[in-house]
């Protein structure tokens, strides 16, 4: 008489809970019909995460990315707007492609990454938060268009980025300027101002961190001193200003990557 009474993920035992259409105290995701998940005695939001296999591209999710968010029980945030069964196994698009909406449009349901992101691990979390927070409980995570992505974890204290105009490799980008390892500073506007210049977007900045404090990066730039005796004095990425640092062969306090010869980068005062 009740052959629909099954769940997608069950974290409990039969003895503890034997009805996936009753949410009180149940511990399950993807219930029968009435409820999306059990509240476990007081939780209101459940989430499923995937750890991407693309660990070399941090902006594409080199950490935990949110794949699914569901309400637990009946006393969940926005319960007056959404049905408790919005993510049940019957209507939650658990087994079919499509049906996902961006996180900014609806707080519950499948995310696009559920269908598209290649992952190596699956994680589950529950929350008692009064407002759905897709990054709650994920160390260093930030909400992005890719979902919830973990950036500043482990030893990384700062994480910034700029957008490329097209999808190319970093090597292709660097080669586009016609500069080589043996190139010399010709005192041109390009070397003085940088062959490219970008404002940086901060994804993570721990308190007191200041390596990228200027919020900008100049690409392939000289030291601001046009002279005949030190034409190798240029760097690949300069995060500082001329006034703060004018020698890419001296690392103390400098904020640069790809220095002149002696140093690979500046230590920014302690990095």
Protein backbone atom coordinates (compact mmCIF):
# COMPACT_ATOMS: atom_id res chain seq x y z
CA UNK A 1 0.00 0.00 0.00
CA UNK A 2 2.93 2.39 0.37
CA UNK A 3 5.51 1.44 -2.23
CA UNK A 4 6.58 5.09 -2.67
CA UNK A 5 7.96 5.12 0.87
CA UNK A 6 11.66 5.26 0.07
CA UNK A 7 14.34 7.95 0.30
CA UNK A 8 17.40 8.94 -1.73
CA UNK A 9 19.82 9.15 1.19
CA UNK A 10 19.10 7.57 4.56
CA UNK A 11 21.37 8.41 7.48
CA UNK A 12 19.29 6.56 10.05
CA UNK A 13 18.11 3.02 10.80
CA UNK A 14 14.77 1.36 10.29
CA UNK A 15 14.25 1.08 14.01
CA UNK A 16 14.78 4.82 14.51
CA UNK A 17 12.65 5.98 11.61
CA UNK A 18 10.44 3.99 9.28
CA UNK A 19 8.43 6.59 7.38
CA UNK A 20 9.95 8.88 4.78
CA UNK A 21 6.78 10.96 4.65
CA UNK A 22 7.17 11.97 8.27
CA UNK A 23 9.97 14.43 8.93
CA UNK A 24 10.02 14.74 12.72
CA UNK A 25 13.36 13.40 13.97
CA UNK A 26 14.02 11.65 10.67
CA UNK A 27 17.51 11.79 9.17
CA UNK A 28 17.13 11.49 5.40
CA UNK A 29 17.44 13.53 2.18
CA UNK A 30 14.98 13.11 -0.68
CA UNK A 31 11.89 11.84 1.09
CA UNK A 32 8.72 10.29 -0.24
CA UNK A 33 6.46 13.23 -1.15
CA UNK A 34 5.37 15.43 1.73
CA UNK A 35 8.87 16.18 3.04
CA UNK A 36 12.18 16.81 1.30
CA UNK A 37 14.16 15.63 4.31
CA UNK A 38 13.96 14.74 7.97
CA UNK A 39 14.76 17.43 10.52
CA UNK A 40 16.81 15.21 12.80
CA UNK A 41 15.21 16.80 15.85
CA UNK A 42 15.85 20.46 14.98
CA UNK A 43 17.75 21.02 11.72
CA UNK A 44 16.17 23.14 8.99
CA UNK A 45 18.45 23.02 5.92
CA UNK A 46 20.38 20.15 4.37
CA UNK A 47 23.05 20.38 1.67
CA UNK A 48 24.99 18.07 -0.61
CA UNK A 49 28.47 19.02 -1.81
CA UNK A 50 30.86 17.69 -4.41
CA UNK A 51 34.60 18.00 -4.41
CA UNK A 52 35.72 18.77 -7.90
CA UNK A 53 38.30 16.71 -9.70
CA UNK A 54 39.66 19.92 -11.26
CA UNK A 55 41.94 20.88 -8.40
CA UNK A 56 44.32 22.90 -10.57
CA UNK A 57 41.74 25.54 -11.41
CA UNK A 58 40.71 27.04 -8.11
CA UNK A 59 38.15 29.40 -9.61
CA UNK A 60 36.29 26.50 -11.13
CA UNK A 61 35.91 24.89 -7.76
CA UNK A 62 39.17 23.66 -6.30
CA UNK A 63 37.19 22.71 -3.20
CA UNK A 64 33.66 21.88 -2.11
CA UNK A 65 30.93 23.06 -4.47
CA UNK A 66 27.28 23.06 -3.46
CA UNK A 67 25.22 20.62 -5.54
CA UNK A 68 21.85 20.45 -3.78
CA UNK A 69 20.02 22.31 -1.00
CA UNK A 70 16.82 21.04 0.58
CA UNK A 71 14.51 22.07 3.41
CA UNK A 72 14.35 19.75 6.39
CA UNK A 73 11.07 19.16 8.16
CA UNK A 74 8.37 21.80 8.00
CA UNK A 75 9.80 24.69 10.06
CA UNK A 76 12.42 25.72 7.51
CA UNK A 77 13.32 29.20 6.17
CA UNK A 78 10.85 30.51 3.56
CA UNK A 79 8.36 27.77 4.47
CA UNK A 80 5.53 30.15 3.55
CA UNK A 81 6.86 30.28 -0.04
CA UNK A 82 8.11 26.77 -0.71
CA UNK A 83 6.54 23.37 -0.18
CA UNK A 84 8.19 21.06 2.34
CA UNK A 85 8.32 18.48 -0.42
CA UNK A 86 10.03 20.69 -3.01
CA UNK A 87 13.05 18.36 -3.00
CA UNK A 88 11.36 15.03 -2.42
CA UNK A 89 12.42 12.09 -4.56
CA UNK A 90 9.29 12.54 -6.66
CA UNK A 91 9.82 16.14 -7.80
CA UNK A 92 13.39 16.99 -6.85
CA UNK A 93 15.04 16.07 -10.19
CA UNK A 94 17.38 13.71 -8.38
CA UNK A 95 17.58 11.25 -11.26
CA UNK A 96 17.02 13.38 -14.36
CA UNK A 97 19.12 16.03 -16.04
CA UNK A 98 17.81 19.58 -15.85
CA UNK A 99 15.43 21.28 -13.50
CA UNK A 100 18.16 23.20 -11.70
CA UNK A 101 17.99 26.91 -10.96
CA UNK A 102 20.79 29.30 -9.95
CA UNK A 103 21.21 29.77 -6.24
CA UNK A 104 20.28 33.44 -6.56
CA UNK A 105 16.81 32.60 -7.87
CA UNK A 106 15.64 29.86 -5.53
CA UNK A 107 17.08 28.71 -2.19
CA UNK A 108 16.16 25.04 -2.55
CA UNK A 109 16.68 22.28 -5.06
CA UNK A 110 19.32 21.04 -7.45
CA UNK A 111 22.12 23.30 -8.65
CA UNK A 112 23.42 23.21 -12.24
CA UNK A 113 26.69 21.69 -11.02
CA UNK A 114 24.77 18.59 -9.89
CA UNK A 115 24.48 17.66 -13.58
CA UNK A 116 27.78 18.99 -14.92
CA UNK A 117 30.60 19.07 -12.38
CA UNK A 118 33.01 16.12 -12.31
CA UNK A 119 33.60 15.29 -8.65
CA UNK A 120 35.76 12.95 -6.61
CA UNK A 121 33.96 13.11 -3.25
CA UNK A 122 30.43 13.69 -1.96
CA UNK A 123 29.65 15.47 1.32
CA UNK A 124 26.51 16.15 3.32
CA UNK A 125 25.77 18.91 5.82
CA UNK A 126 22.85 20.09 7.93
CA UNK A 127 22.21 23.47 9.47
CA UNK A 128 20.04 25.10 12.10
CA UNK A 129 20.55 28.53 10.47
CA UNK A 130 17.48 30.71 10.20
CA UNK A 131 18.52 31.83 6.71
CA UNK A 132 19.95 29.44 4.12
CA UNK A 133 23.70 29.97 3.86
CA UNK A 134 25.20 27.74 1.17
CA UNK A 135 28.71 28.26 2.52
CA UNK A 136 28.01 27.57 6.17
CA UNK A 137 30.37 25.07 7.71
CA UNK A 138 32.75 24.97 4.76
CA UNK A 139 36.18 26.26 5.73
CA UNK A 140 37.19 29.30 3.70
CA UNK A 141 34.25 28.96 1.32
CA UNK A 142 32.84 31.82 -0.73
CA UNK A 143 29.60 31.94 -2.72
CA UNK A 144 30.27 32.36 -6.45
CA UNK A 145 28.43 31.77 -9.69
CA UNK A 146 29.80 28.22 -9.46
CA UNK A 147 28.05 27.67 -6.15
CA UNK A 148 29.92 27.49 -2.88
CA UNK A 149 33.64 27.16 -3.51
CA UNK A 150 36.33 26.75 -0.88
CA UNK A 151 39.31 29.03 -1.42
CA UNK A 152 41.25 30.12 1.63
CA UNK A 153 41.88 26.86 3.38
CA UNK A 154 45.11 25.37 4.60
CA UNK A 155 48.03 27.78 4.34
CA UNK A 156 46.55 30.29 1.90
CA UNK A 157 45.82 33.61 3.57
CA UNK A 158 44.97 35.62 0.47
CA UNK A 159 43.29 34.67 -2.80
CA UNK A 160 42.63 37.20 -5.57
CA UNK A 161 41.95 36.97 -9.29
CA UNK A 162 41.26 38.83 -12.51
CA UNK A 163 39.18 37.75 -15.48
CA UNK A 164 40.72 36.95 -18.86
CA UNK A 165 38.91 38.32 -21.88
CA UNK A 166 38.76 34.91 -23.53
CA UNK A 167 39.27 31.27 -22.65
CA UNK A 168 42.98 30.71 -23.23
CA UNK A 169 45.84 29.09 -21.37
CA UNK A 170 48.05 31.18 -19.15
CA UNK A 171 50.94 30.45 -21.49
CA UNK A 172 48.95 31.80 -24.44
CA UNK A 173 48.16 34.92 -22.43
CA UNK A 174 51.82 35.50 -21.55
CA UNK A 175 52.95 34.89 -25.12
CA UNK A 176 50.46 37.42 -26.46
CA UNK A 177 52.72 40.31 -25.40
CA UNK A 178 55.68 39.23 -27.53
CA UNK A 179 57.99 39.20 -24.51
CA UNK A 180 60.65 36.55 -23.89
CA UNK A 181 62.79 35.58 -20.91
CA UNK A 182 65.71 37.48 -22.45
CA UNK A 183 63.73 40.63 -23.31
CA UNK A 184 65.17 43.93 -22.07
CA UNK A 185 63.36 46.96 -20.72
CA UNK A 186 63.22 49.47 -23.58
CA UNK A 187 61.67 52.23 -21.47
CA UNK A 188 58.53 52.06 -23.58
CA UNK A 189 55.09 52.96 -22.27
CA UNK A 190 54.27 49.26 -22.17
CA UNK A 191 57.20 48.50 -19.86
CA UNK A 192 56.62 51.64 -17.77
CA UNK A 193 52.90 51.11 -17.21
CA UNK A 194 52.77 47.35 -17.64
CA UNK A 195 51.89 45.43 -20.78
CA UNK A 196 48.53 44.74 -19.17
CA UNK A 197 46.84 46.04 -16.03
CA UNK A 198 43.97 44.62 -14.01
CA UNK A 199 42.01 45.36 -10.90
CA UNK A 200 41.91 42.32 -8.64
CA UNK A 201 38.80 40.73 -7.18
CA UNK A 202 39.23 39.41 -3.64
CA UNK A 203 37.85 35.95 -2.92
CA UNK A 204 39.59 35.58 0.41
CA UNK A 205 41.57 37.98 2.58
CA UNK A 206 42.36 37.06 6.15
CA UNK A 207 42.56 39.84 8.71
CA UNK A 208 45.90 41.63 8.52
CA UNK A 209 46.86 40.11 5.15
CA UNK A 210 48.26 42.75 2.82
CA UNK A 211 50.28 41.21 -0.01
CA UNK A 212 47.63 42.25 -2.55
CA UNK A 213 46.66 45.41 -0.68
CA UNK A 214 46.83 47.67 -3.76
CA UNK A 215 44.06 45.66 -5.38
CA UNK A 216 45.79 45.79 -8.77
CA UNK A 217 48.35 43.90 -10.83
CA UNK A 218 50.58 45.16 -13.64
CA UNK A 219 51.74 42.49 -16.07
CA UNK A 220 55.36 42.59 -17.32
CA UNK A 221 56.44 45.90 -15.83
CA UNK A 222 59.79 47.57 -15.22
CA UNK A 223 60.98 49.03 -11.93
CA UNK A 224 60.11 52.60 -12.89
CA UNK A 225 63.70 53.59 -13.37
CA UNK A 226 64.66 53.80 -17.00
CA UNK A 227 68.42 53.34 -17.22
CA UNK A 228 71.00 51.69 -19.43
CA UNK A 229 72.71 49.57 -16.78
CA UNK A 230 69.85 47.42 -15.50
CA UNK A 231 67.50 46.64 -18.36
CA UNK A 232 66.70 43.21 -16.89
CA UNK A 233 64.98 44.83 -13.94
CA UNK A 234 61.38 43.93 -14.74
CA UNK A 235 58.89 41.47 -13.29
CA UNK A 236 56.12 39.27 -14.63
CA UNK A 237 53.44 40.32 -12.15
CA UNK A 238 53.75 43.44 -10.01
CA UNK A 239 51.25 43.87 -7.19
CA UNK A 240 52.96 46.92 -5.74
CA UNK A 241 53.80 50.50 -6.75
CA UNK A 242 57.06 52.09 -7.84
CA UNK A 243 57.21 54.14 -4.66
CA UNK A 244 56.92 51.02 -2.51
CA UNK A 245 59.34 48.86 -4.44
CA UNK A 246 61.66 49.69 -7.30
CA UNK A 247 64.02 46.73 -7.55
CA UNK A 248 62.89 43.30 -8.72
CA UNK A 249 66.18 41.73 -7.65
CA UNK A 250 65.52 42.56 -4.00
CA UNK A 251 62.81 40.51 -2.32
CA UNK A 252 62.47 42.20 1.06
CA UNK A 253 58.97 43.69 1.32
CA UNK A 254 58.46 43.46 -2.45
CA UNK A 255 55.16 42.22 -3.81
CA UNK A 256 55.89 40.64 -7.16
CA UNK A 257 55.98 37.26 -8.92
CA UNK A 258 58.67 36.45 -11.47
CA UNK A 259 61.51 38.76 -10.45
CA UNK A 260 64.67 39.76 -12.24
CA UNK A 261 67.19 37.03 -11.46
CA UNK A 262 68.12 36.63 -7.81
CA UNK A 263 64.58 36.29 -6.45
CA UNK A 264 61.49 34.55 -7.82
CA UNK A 265 59.19 36.88 -5.92
CA UNK A 266 59.00 39.45 -3.18
CA UNK A 267 58.15 38.36 0.34
CA UNK A 268 55.76 41.19 1.04
CA UNK A 269 57.21 41.62 4.48
CA UNK A 270 56.77 38.06 5.66
CA UNK A 271 55.26 35.68 3.07
